[in-house]
Amino acid sequence: MLFLLILSPVQDVGGSIPHTDEMERYFLYLNEPGSRIADDEGFLAVDLNDAIRVATAGAREIMAAEILSGKLCFATSIQILNGRGATMHTAWFKDLVLVTDR
């Protein structure tokens, strides 16, 4: 259920994202060991960097919720696909946070 919130359209309250006819639709798939949650609606982004920003924020939100529930799987990823179904980037949870012992 938390993942569905992440897939909703990004609100640009600061006006920093220019909205043009050239925005591309991206889809975020949540991949956990043994399961995959597909994004059927996608969201519009200016470019791949913007889509990566959305995926990173979503992944960190999911990780925060998982930590609160007492578990976290670093083998989880969010895969970014373009409108043609091609994988453009994979954001691995283990790469999105710095874990230290100090």
PDB file of N, CA and C in Angstrom:
ATOM      1  N   MET A   1       0.811  -1.182   0.000  1.00  0.00           N
ATOM      2  CA  MET A   1       0.000   0.000   0.000  1.00  0.00           C
ATOM      3  C   MET A   1       0.865   1.261   0.000  1.00  0.00           C
ATOM      4  N   LEU A   2       1.937   1.255   0.752  1.00  0.00           N
ATOM      5  CA  LEU A   2       2.838   2.404   0.784  1.00  0.00           C
ATOM      6  C   LEU A   2       3.401   2.696  -0.594  1.00  0.00           C
ATOM      7  N   PHE A   3       3.710   1.653  -1.357  1.00  0.00           N
ATOM      8  CA  PHE A   3       4.293   1.847  -2.670  1.00  0.00           C
ATOM      9  C   PHE A   3       3.323   2.564  -3.603  1.00  0.00           C
ATOM     10  N   LEU A   4       2.032   2.331  -3.451  1.00  0.00           N
ATOM     11  CA  LEU A   4       1.047   2.989  -4.313  1.00  0.00           C
ATOM     12  C   LEU A   4       1.065   4.496  -4.114  1.00  0.00           C
ATOM     13  N   LEU A   5       1.360   4.960  -2.913  1.00  0.00           N
ATOM     14  CA  LEU A   5       1.458   6.399  -2.677  1.00  0.00           C
ATOM     15  C   LEU A   5       2.611   7.007  -3.458  1.00  0.00           C
ATOM     16  N   ILE A   6       3.678   6.269  -3.596  1.00  0.00           N
ATOM     17  CA  ILE A   6       4.862   6.756  -4.278  1.00  0.00           C
ATOM     18  C   ILE A   6       4.611   6.894  -5.780  1.00  0.00           C
ATOM     19  N   LEU A   7       3.731   6.057  -6.306  1.00  0.00           N
ATOM     20  CA  LEU A   7       3.491   6.066  -7.738  1.00  0.00           C
ATOM     21  C   LEU A   7       2.522   7.152  -8.169  1.00  0.00           C
ATOM     22  N   SER A   8       1.947   7.859  -7.226  1.00  0.00           N
ATOM     23  CA  SER A   8       1.039   8.930  -7.617  1.00  0.00           C
ATOM     24  C   SER A   8       1.831  10.083  -8.226  1.00  0.00           C
ATOM     25  N   PRO A   9       1.205  10.884  -9.061  1.00  0.00           N
ATOM     26  CA  PRO A   9       1.934  11.957  -9.748  1.00  0.00           C
ATOM     27  C   PRO A   9       2.655  12.878  -8.771  1.00  0.00           C
ATOM     28  N   VAL A  10       3.821  13.312  -9.183  1.00  0.00           N
ATOM     29  CA  VAL A  10       4.620  14.209  -8.356  1.00  0.00           C
ATOM     30  C   VAL A  10       4.039  15.611  -8.456  1.00  0.00           C
ATOM     31  N   GLN A  11       3.788  16.220  -7.319  1.00  0.00           N
ATOM     32  CA  GLN A  11       3.299  17.589  -7.287  1.00  0.00           C
ATOM     33  C   GLN A  11       4.495  18.533  -7.302  1.00  0.00           C
ATOM     34  N   ASP A  12       4.521  19.459  -8.221  1.00  0.00           N
ATOM     35  CA  ASP A  12       5.605  20.429  -8.300  1.00  0.00           C
ATOM     36  C   ASP A  12       5.138  21.724  -7.652  1.00  0.00           C
ATOM     37  N   VAL A  13       5.234  21.767  -6.325  1.00  0.00           N
ATOM     38  CA  VAL A  13       4.747  22.942  -5.615  1.00  0.00           C
ATOM     39  C   VAL A  13       5.704  24.113  -5.716  1.00  0.00           C
ATOM     40  N   GLY A  14       6.974  23.846  -5.991  1.00  0.00           N
ATOM     41  CA  GLY A  14       7.944  24.926  -6.052  1.00  0.00           C
ATOM     42  C   GLY A  14       8.115  25.506  -7.435  1.00  0.00           C
ATOM     43  N   GLY A  15       7.501  24.916  -8.429  1.00  0.00           N
ATOM     44  CA  GLY A  15       7.623  25.416  -9.783  1.00  0.00           C
ATOM     45  C   GLY A  15       8.978  25.134 -10.403  1.00  0.00           C
ATOM     46  N   SER A  16       9.731  24.187  -9.831  1.00  0.00           N
ATOM     47  CA  SER A  16      11.077  23.928 -10.334  1.00  0.00           C
ATOM     48  C   SER A  16      11.099  22.987 -11.534  1.00  0.00           C
ATOM     49  N   ILE A  17      10.015  22.263 -11.743  1.00  0.00           N
ATOM     50  CA  ILE A  17       9.975  21.323 -12.866  1.00  0.00           C
ATOM     51  C   ILE A  17       9.177  21.966 -13.992  1.00  0.00           C
ATOM     52  N   PRO A  18       9.829  22.251 -15.115  1.00  0.00           N
ATOM     53  CA  PRO A  18       9.083  22.839 -16.224  1.00  0.00           C
ATOM     54  C   PRO A  18       8.167  21.792 -16.848  1.00  0.00           C
ATOM     55  N   HIS A  19       6.915  22.133 -16.993  1.00  0.00           N
ATOM     56  CA  HIS A  19       5.951  21.200 -17.579  1.00  0.00           C
ATOM     57  C   HIS A  19       5.821  21.519 -19.069  1.00  0.00           C
ATOM     58  N   THR A  20       6.275  20.592 -19.890  1.00  0.00           N
ATOM     59  CA  THR A  20       6.228  20.791 -21.332  1.00  0.00           C
ATOM     60  C   THR A  20       5.578  19.588 -21.985  1.00  0.00           C
ATOM     61  N   ASP A  21       5.334  19.691 -23.251  1.00  0.00           N
ATOM     62  CA  ASP A  21       4.782  18.573 -24.001  1.00  0.00           C
ATOM     63  C   ASP A  21       5.816  17.475 -24.207  1.00  0.00           C
ATOM     64  N   GLU A  22       7.071  17.722 -23.849  1.00  0.00           N
ATOM     65  CA  GLU A  22       8.142  16.765 -24.063  1.00  0.00           C
ATOM     66  C   GLU A  22       8.406  15.878 -22.845  1.00  0.00           C
ATOM     67  N   MET A  23       7.543  15.922 -21.855  1.00  0.00           N
ATOM     68  CA  MET A  23       7.726  15.066 -20.691  1.00  0.00           C
ATOM     69  C   MET A  23       7.472  13.619 -21.099  1.00  0.00           C
ATOM     70  N   GLU A  24       8.210  12.721 -20.481  1.00  0.00           N
ATOM     71  CA  GLU A  24       8.096  11.303 -20.810  1.00  0.00           C
ATOM     72  C   GLU A  24       7.470  10.554 -19.646  1.00  0.00           C
ATOM     73  N   ARG A  25       6.732   9.511 -19.965  1.00  0.00           N
ATOM     74  CA  ARG A  25       6.117   8.678 -18.928  1.00  0.00           C
ATOM     75  C   ARG A  25       7.109   7.591 -18.522  1.00  0.00           C
ATOM     76  N   TYR A  26       7.277   7.453 -17.211  1.00  0.00           N
ATOM     77  CA  TYR A  26       8.131   6.421 -16.631  1.00  0.00           C
ATOM     78  C   TYR A  26       7.295   5.563 -15.702  1.00  0.00           C
ATOM     79  N   PHE A  27       7.747   4.329 -15.506  1.00  0.00           N
ATOM     80  CA  PHE A  27       7.064   3.377 -14.644  1.00  0.00           C
ATOM     81  C   PHE A  27       8.061   2.852 -13.621  1.00  0.00           C
ATOM     82  N   LEU A  28       7.609   2.707 -12.372  1.00  0.00           N
ATOM     83  CA  LEU A  28       8.456   2.213 -11.299  1.00  0.00           C
ATOM     84  C   LEU A  28       7.976   0.834 -10.876  1.00  0.00           C
ATOM     85  N   TYR A  29       8.864  -0.151 -10.942  1.00  0.00           N
ATOM     86  CA  TYR A  29       8.542  -1.508 -10.507  1.00  0.00           C
ATOM     87  C   TYR A  29       9.331  -1.790  -9.242  1.00  0.00           C
ATOM     88  N   LEU A  30       8.634  -2.214  -8.200  1.00  0.00           N
ATOM     89  CA  LEU A  30       9.275  -2.578  -6.945  1.00  0.00           C
ATOM     90  C   LEU A  30       9.626  -4.057  -6.999  1.00  0.00           C
ATOM     91  N   ASN A  31      10.909  -4.354  -6.921  1.00  0.00           N
ATOM     92  CA  ASN A  31      11.391  -5.735  -6.982  1.00  0.00           C
ATOM     93  C   ASN A  31      11.951  -6.141  -5.633  1.00  0.00           C
ATOM     94  N   GLU A  32      11.320  -7.152  -5.028  1.00  0.00           N
ATOM     95  CA  GLU A  32      11.814  -7.760  -3.801  1.00  0.00           C
ATOM     96  C   GLU A  32      12.114  -9.214  -4.124  1.00  0.00           C
ATOM     97  N   PRO A  33      12.997  -9.851  -3.357  1.00  0.00           N
ATOM     98  CA  PRO A  33      13.272 -11.267  -3.626  1.00  0.00           C
ATOM     99  C   PRO A  33      11.970 -12.074  -3.662  1.00  0.00           C
ATOM    100  N   GLY A  34      11.690 -12.652  -4.812  1.00  0.00           N
ATOM    101  CA  GLY A  34      10.501 -13.489  -4.970  1.00  0.00           C
ATOM    102  C   GLY A  34       9.230 -12.766  -5.349  1.00  0.00           C
ATOM    103  N   SER A  35       9.249 -11.449  -5.490  1.00  0.00           N
ATOM    104  CA  SER A  35       8.027 -10.745  -5.873  1.00  0.00           C
ATOM    105  C   SER A  35       8.340  -9.456  -6.623  1.00  0.00           C
ATOM    106  N   ARG A  36       7.347  -9.023  -7.388  1.00  0.00           N
ATOM    107  CA  ARG A  36       7.463  -7.781  -8.149  1.00  0.00           C
ATOM    108  C   ARG A  36       6.121  -7.081  -8.141  1.00  0.00           C
ATOM    109  N   ILE A  37       6.136  -5.787  -7.841  1.00  0.00           N
ATOM    110  CA  ILE A  37       4.921  -4.986  -7.910  1.00  0.00           C
ATOM    111  C   ILE A  37       5.078  -4.048  -9.095  1.00  0.00           C
ATOM    112  N   ALA A  38       4.194  -4.213 -10.075  1.00  0.00           N
ATOM    113  CA  ALA A  38       4.269  -3.432 -11.305  1.00  0.00           C
ATOM    114  C   ALA A  38       3.469  -2.141 -11.179  1.00  0.00           C
ATOM    115  N   ASP A  39       3.954  -1.117 -11.818  1.00  0.00           N
ATOM    116  CA  ASP A  39       3.303   0.192 -11.894  1.00  0.00           C
ATOM    117  C   ASP A  39       2.574   0.243 -13.228  1.00  0.00           C
ATOM    118  N   ASP A  40       1.247   0.258 -13.184  1.00  0.00           N
ATOM    119  CA  ASP A  40       0.462   0.266 -14.417  1.00  0.00           C
ATOM    120  C   ASP A  40       0.165   1.662 -14.945  1.00  0.00           C
ATOM    121  N   GLU A  41       0.295   2.676 -14.086  1.00  0.00           N
ATOM    122  CA  GLU A  41      -0.053   4.040 -14.492  1.00  0.00           C
ATOM    123  C   GLU A  41       1.154   4.886 -14.856  1.00  0.00           C
ATOM    124  N   GLY A  42       2.233   4.741 -14.130  1.00  0.00           N
ATOM    125  CA  GLY A  42       3.419   5.539 -14.384  1.00  0.00           C
ATOM    126  C   GLY A  42       3.243   6.980 -13.949  1.00  0.00           C
ATOM    127  N   PHE A  43       4.223   7.802 -14.303  1.00  0.00           N
ATOM    128  CA  PHE A  43       4.196   9.221 -13.972  1.00  0.00           C
ATOM    129  C   PHE A  43       5.000   9.966 -15.021  1.00  0.00           C
ATOM    130  N   LEU A  44       4.739  11.246 -15.159  1.00  0.00           N
ATOM    131  CA  LEU A  44       5.467  12.066 -16.122  1.00  0.00           C
ATOM    132  C   LEU A  44       6.689  12.690 -15.463  1.00  0.00           C
ATOM    133  N   ALA A  45       7.795  12.680 -16.179  1.00  0.00           N
ATOM    134  CA  ALA A  45       9.026  13.294 -15.693  1.00  0.00           C
ATOM    135  C   ALA A  45       9.697  14.017 -16.849  1.00  0.00           C
ATOM    136  N   VAL A  46      10.458  15.031 -16.510  1.00  0.00           N
ATOM    137  CA  VAL A  46      11.156  15.819 -17.517  1.00  0.00           C
ATOM    138  C   VAL A  46      12.192  14.965 -18.231  1.00  0.00           C
ATOM    139  N   ASP A  47      12.928  14.164 -17.450  1.00  0.00           N
ATOM    140  CA  ASP A  47      13.972  13.326 -18.024  1.00  0.00           C
ATOM    141  C   ASP A  47      14.276  12.184 -17.068  1.00  0.00           C
ATOM    142  N   LEU A  48      15.239  11.357 -17.425  1.00  0.00           N
ATOM    143  CA  LEU A  48      15.585  10.208 -16.601  1.00  0.00           C
ATOM    144  C   LEU A  48      16.098  10.642 -15.232  1.00  0.00           C
ATOM    145  N   ASN A  49      16.863  11.717 -15.162  1.00  0.00           N
ATOM    146  CA  ASN A  49      17.355  12.191 -13.861  1.00  0.00           C
ATOM    147  C   ASN A  49      16.206  12.540 -12.921  1.00  0.00           C
ATOM    148  N   ASP A  50      15.165  13.133 -13.452  1.00  0.00           N
ATOM    149  CA  ASP A  50      13.991  13.452 -12.648  1.00  0.00           C
ATOM    150  C   ASP A  50      13.304  12.162 -12.183  1.00  0.00           C
ATOM    151  N   ALA A  51      13.217  11.175 -13.050  1.00  0.00           N
ATOM    152  CA  ALA A  51      12.615   9.881 -12.692  1.00  0.00           C
ATOM    153  C   ALA A  51      13.450   9.183 -11.617  1.00  0.00           C
ATOM    154  N   ILE A  52      14.770   9.285 -11.710  1.00  0.00           N
ATOM    155  CA  ILE A  52      15.646   8.688 -10.696  1.00  0.00           C
ATOM    156  C   ILE A  52      15.429   9.386  -9.358  1.00  0.00           C
ATOM    157  N   ARG A  53      15.250  10.696  -9.372  1.00  0.00           N
ATOM    158  CA  ARG A  53      14.983  11.445  -8.135  1.00  0.00           C
ATOM    159  C   ARG A  53      13.698  10.946  -7.479  1.00  0.00           C
ATOM    160  N   VAL A  54      12.663  10.720  -8.263  1.00  0.00           N
ATOM    161  CA  VAL A  54      11.383  10.226  -7.750  1.00  0.00           C
ATOM    162  C   VAL A  54      11.557   8.806  -7.188  1.00  0.00           C
ATOM    163  N   ALA A  55      12.265   7.950  -7.922  1.00  0.00           N
ATOM    164  CA  ALA A  55      12.482   6.573  -7.471  1.00  0.00           C
ATOM    165  C   ALA A  55      13.307   6.534  -6.190  1.00  0.00           C
ATOM    166  N   THR A  56      14.328   7.375  -6.100  1.00  0.00           N
ATOM    167  CA  THR A  56      15.171   7.420  -4.910  1.00  0.00           C
ATOM    168  C   THR A  56      14.369   7.866  -3.694  1.00  0.00           C
ATOM    169  N   ALA A  57      13.584   8.908  -3.853  1.00  0.00           N
ATOM    170  CA  ALA A  57      12.755   9.384  -2.741  1.00  0.00           C
ATOM    171  C   ALA A  57      11.757   8.309  -2.320  1.00  0.00           C
ATOM    172  N   GLY A  58      11.169   7.635  -3.288  1.00  0.00           N
ATOM    173  CA  GLY A  58      10.223   6.563  -2.982  1.00  0.00           C
ATOM    174  C   GLY A  58      10.881   5.399  -2.268  1.00  0.00           C
ATOM    175  N   ALA A  59      12.060   5.019  -2.732  1.00  0.00           N
ATOM    176  CA  ALA A  59      12.784   3.914  -2.103  1.00  0.00           C
ATOM    177  C   ALA A  59      13.132   4.249  -0.661  1.00  0.00           C
ATOM    178  N   ARG A  60      13.574   5.458  -0.422  1.00  0.00           N
ATOM    179  CA  ARG A  60      13.929   5.858   0.944  1.00  0.00           C
ATOM    180  C   ARG A  60      12.693   5.903   1.839  1.00  0.00           C
ATOM    181  N   GLU A  61      11.560   6.285   1.287  1.00  0.00           N
ATOM    182  CA  GLU A  61      10.313   6.281   2.056  1.00  0.00           C
ATOM    183  C   GLU A  61       9.916   4.853   2.425  1.00  0.00           C
ATOM    184  N   ILE A  62      10.038   3.946   1.473  1.00  0.00           N
ATOM    185  CA  ILE A  62       9.733   2.534   1.742  1.00  0.00           C
ATOM    186  C   ILE A  62      10.685   1.976   2.793  1.00  0.00           C
ATOM    187  N   MET A  63      11.988   2.286   2.658  1.00  0.00           N
ATOM    188  CA  MET A  63      12.966   1.793   3.629  1.00  0.00           C
ATOM    189  C   MET A  63      12.657   2.311   5.027  1.00  0.00           C
ATOM    190  N   ALA A  64      12.268   3.570   5.141  1.00  0.00           N
ATOM    191  CA  ALA A  64      11.935   4.135   6.450  1.00  0.00           C
ATOM    192  C   ALA A  64      10.768   3.377   7.072  1.00  0.00           C
ATOM    193  N   ALA A  65       9.757   3.084   6.277  1.00  0.00           N
ATOM    194  CA  ALA A  65       8.600   2.337   6.779  1.00  0.00           C
ATOM    195  C   ALA A  65       9.005   0.916   7.180  1.00  0.00           C
ATOM    196  N   GLU A  66       9.870   0.295   6.389  1.00  0.00           N
ATOM    197  CA  GLU A  66      10.315  -1.055   6.724  1.00  0.00           C
ATOM    198  C   GLU A  66      11.128  -1.061   8.019  1.00  0.00           C
ATOM    199  N   ILE A  67      11.975  -0.073   8.215  1.00  0.00           N
ATOM    200  CA  ILE A  67      12.752   0.012   9.460  1.00  0.00           C
ATOM    201  C   ILE A  67      11.811   0.155  10.652  1.00  0.00           C
ATOM    202  N   LEU A  68      10.771   0.962  10.510  1.00  0.00           N
ATOM    203  CA  LEU A  68       9.802   1.125  11.594  1.00  0.00           C
ATOM    204  C   LEU A  68       9.083  -0.184  11.906  1.00  0.00           C
ATOM    205  N   SER A  69       8.941  -1.046  10.894  1.00  0.00           N
ATOM    206  CA  SER A  69       8.292  -2.341  11.134  1.00  0.00           C
ATOM    207  C   SER A  69       9.290  -3.391  11.618  1.00  0.00           C
ATOM    208  N   GLY A  70      10.574  -3.024  11.666  1.00  0.00           N
ATOM    209  CA  GLY A  70      11.575  -3.924  12.216  1.00  0.00           C
ATOM    210  C   GLY A  70      12.304  -4.790  11.215  1.00  0.00           C
ATOM    211  N   LYS A  71      12.161  -4.493   9.929  1.00  0.00           N
ATOM    212  CA  LYS A  71      12.867  -5.286   8.922  1.00  0.00           C
ATOM    213  C   LYS A  71      13.269  -4.385   7.756  1.00  0.00           C
ATOM    214  N   LEU A  72      14.332  -4.780   7.060  1.00  0.00           N
ATOM    215  CA  LEU A  72      14.765  -4.046   5.867  1.00  0.00           C
ATOM    216  C   LEU A  72      15.545  -5.002   4.985  1.00  0.00           C
ATOM    217  N   CYS A  73      15.161  -5.109   3.737  1.00  0.00           N
ATOM    218  CA  CYS A  73      15.833  -5.990   2.790  1.00  0.00           C
ATOM    219  C   CYS A  73      16.604  -5.148   1.774  1.00  0.00           C
ATOM    220  N   PHE A  74      17.933  -5.233   1.842  1.00  0.00           N
ATOM    221  CA  PHE A  74      18.762  -4.481   0.909  1.00  0.00           C
ATOM    222  C   PHE A  74      18.808  -5.098  -0.485  1.00  0.00           C
ATOM    223  N   ALA A  75      18.215  -6.266  -0.678  1.00  0.00           N
ATOM    224  CA  ALA A  75      18.157  -6.883  -2.003  1.00  0.00           C
ATOM    225  C   ALA A  75      16.968  -6.363  -2.814  1.00  0.00           C
ATOM    226  N   THR A  76      16.266  -5.383  -2.282  1.00  0.00           N
ATOM    227  CA  THR A  76      15.117  -4.780  -2.952  1.00  0.00           C
ATOM    228  C   THR A  76      15.591  -3.669  -3.883  1.00  0.00           C
ATOM    229  N   SER A  77      14.868  -3.471  -4.973  1.00  0.00           N
ATOM    230  CA  SER A  77      15.207  -2.394  -5.903  1.00  0.00           C
ATOM    231  C   SER A  77      13.940  -1.809  -6.514  1.00  0.00           C
ATOM    232  N   ILE A  78      14.095  -0.618  -7.046  1.00  0.00           N
ATOM    233  CA  ILE A  78      13.044  -0.014  -7.861  1.00  0.00           C
ATOM    234  C   ILE A  78      13.611   0.130  -9.262  1.00  0.00           C
ATOM    235  N   GLN A  79      12.933  -0.485 -10.193  1.00  0.00           N
ATOM    236  CA  GLN A  79      13.347  -0.472 -11.595  1.00  0.00           C
ATOM    237  C   GLN A  79      12.560   0.625 -12.305  1.00  0.00           C
ATOM    238  N   ILE A  80      13.264   1.455 -13.071  1.00  0.00           N
ATOM    239  CA  ILE A  80      12.626   2.538 -13.819  1.00  0.00           C
ATOM    240  C   ILE A  80      12.549   2.121 -15.283  1.00  0.00           C
ATOM    241  N   LEU A  81      11.334   2.063 -15.806  1.00  0.00           N
ATOM    242  CA  LEU A  81      11.116   1.726 -17.202  1.00  0.00           C
ATOM    243  C   LEU A  81      10.559   2.940 -17.929  1.00  0.00           C
ATOM    244  N   ASN A  82      10.939   3.086 -19.201  1.00  0.00           N
ATOM    245  CA  ASN A  82      10.364   4.172 -19.988  1.00  0.00           C
ATOM    246  C   ASN A  82       9.033   3.714 -20.581  1.00  0.00           C
ATOM    247  N   GLY A  83       8.385   4.579 -21.328  1.00  0.00           N
ATOM    248  CA  GLY A  83       7.082   4.277 -21.901  1.00  0.00           C
ATOM    249  C   GLY A  83       7.084   3.144 -22.902  1.00  0.00           C
ATOM    250  N   ARG A  84       8.241   2.757 -23.402  1.00  0.00           N
ATOM    251  CA  ARG A  84       8.346   1.641 -24.342  1.00  0.00           C
ATOM    252  C   ARG A  84       8.674   0.329 -23.648  1.00  0.00           C
ATOM    253  N   GLY A  85       8.782   0.375 -22.301  1.00  0.00           N
ATOM    254  CA  GLY A  85       9.043  -0.838 -21.528  1.00  0.00           C
ATOM    255  C   GLY A  85      10.510  -1.176 -21.348  1.00  0.00           C
ATOM    256  N   ALA A  86      11.407  -0.290 -21.782  1.00  0.00           N
ATOM    257  CA  ALA A  86      12.845  -0.536 -21.638  1.00  0.00           C
ATOM    258  C   ALA A  86      13.301  -0.099 -20.245  1.00  0.00           C
ATOM    259  N   THR A  87      14.110  -0.927 -19.608  1.00  0.00           N
ATOM    260  CA  THR A  87      14.663  -0.569 -18.305  1.00  0.00           C
ATOM    261  C   THR A  87      15.708   0.522 -18.491  1.00  0.00           C
ATOM    262  N   MET A  88      15.510   1.643 -17.809  1.00  0.00           N
ATOM    263  CA  MET A  88      16.400   2.788 -17.939  1.00  0.00           C
ATOM    264  C   MET A  88      17.377   2.891 -16.777  1.00  0.00           C
ATOM    265  N   HIS A  89      16.963   2.388 -15.606  1.00  0.00           N
ATOM    266  CA  HIS A  89      17.802   2.493 -14.409  1.00  0.00           C
ATOM    267  C   HIS A  89      17.225   1.571 -13.346  1.00  0.00           C
ATOM    268  N   THR A  90      18.097   1.050 -12.492  1.00  0.00           N
ATOM    269  CA  THR A  90      17.658   0.283 -11.330  1.00  0.00           C
ATOM    270  C   THR A  90      18.257   0.923 -10.095  1.00  0.00           C
ATOM    271  N   ALA A  91      17.398   1.305  -9.173  1.00  0.00           N
ATOM    272  CA  ALA A  91      17.821   1.924  -7.915  1.00  0.00           C
ATOM    273  C   ALA A  91      17.775   0.853  -6.829  1.00  0.00           C
ATOM    274  N   TRP A  92      18.952   0.359  -6.442  1.00  0.00           N
ATOM    275  CA  TRP A  92      19.054  -0.663  -5.397  1.00  0.00           C
ATOM    276  C   TRP A  92      18.998   0.007  -4.037  1.00  0.00           C
ATOM    277  N   PHE A  93      18.189  -0.547  -3.140  1.00  0.00           N
ATOM    278  CA  PHE A  93      18.068   0.025  -1.804  1.00  0.00           C
ATOM    279  C   PHE A  93      19.430   0.155  -1.136  1.00  0.00           C
ATOM    280  N   LYS A  94      20.283  -0.859  -1.290  1.00  0.00           N
ATOM    281  CA  LYS A  94      21.595  -0.862  -0.626  1.00  0.00           C
ATOM    282  C   LYS A  94      22.476   0.300  -1.088  1.00  0.00           C
ATOM    283  N   ASP A  95      22.204   0.854  -2.258  1.00  0.00           N
ATOM    284  CA  ASP A  95      23.004   1.953  -2.796  1.00  0.00           C
ATOM    285  C   ASP A  95      22.442   3.333  -2.459  1.00  0.00           C
ATOM    286  N   LEU A  96      21.274   3.375  -1.836  1.00  0.00           N
ATOM    287  CA  LEU A  96      20.581   4.651  -1.629  1.00  0.00           C
ATOM    288  C   LEU A  96      20.705   5.201  -0.215  1.00  0.00           C
ATOM    289  N   VAL A  97      21.375   4.449   0.650  1.00  0.00           N
ATOM    290  CA  VAL A  97      21.617   4.922   2.019  1.00  0.00           C
ATOM    291  C   VAL A  97      23.042   4.572   2.404  1.00  0.00           C
ATOM    292  N   LEU A  98      23.586   5.371   3.276  1.00  0.00           N
ATOM    293  CA  LEU A  98      24.914   5.099   3.817  1.00  0.00           C
ATOM    294  C   LEU A  98      24.711   4.450   5.182  1.00  0.00           C
ATOM    295  N   VAL A  99      25.191   3.214   5.337  1.00  0.00           N
ATOM    296  CA  VAL A  99      25.073   2.501   6.598  1.00  0.00           C
ATOM    297  C   VAL A  99      26.451   2.455   7.230  1.00  0.00           C
ATOM    298  N   THR A 100      26.548   2.967   8.455  1.00  0.00           N
ATOM    299  CA  THR A 100      27.830   2.987   9.148  1.00  0.00           C
ATOM    300  C   THR A 100      27.655   2.401  10.542  1.00  0.00           C
ATOM    301  N   ASP A 101      28.763   2.104  11.158  1.00  0.00           N
ATOM    302  CA  ASP A 101      28.704   1.633  12.549  1.00  0.00           C
ATOM    303  C   ASP A 101      29.260   2.691  13.505  1.00  0.00           C
ATOM    304  N   ARG A 102      29.453   3.878  13.018  1.00  0.00           N
ATOM    305  CA  ARG A 102      29.938   4.990  13.860  1.00  0.00           C
ATOM    306  C   ARG A 102      29.132   6.236  13.616  1.00  0.00           C
TER     307      ARG A 102
END
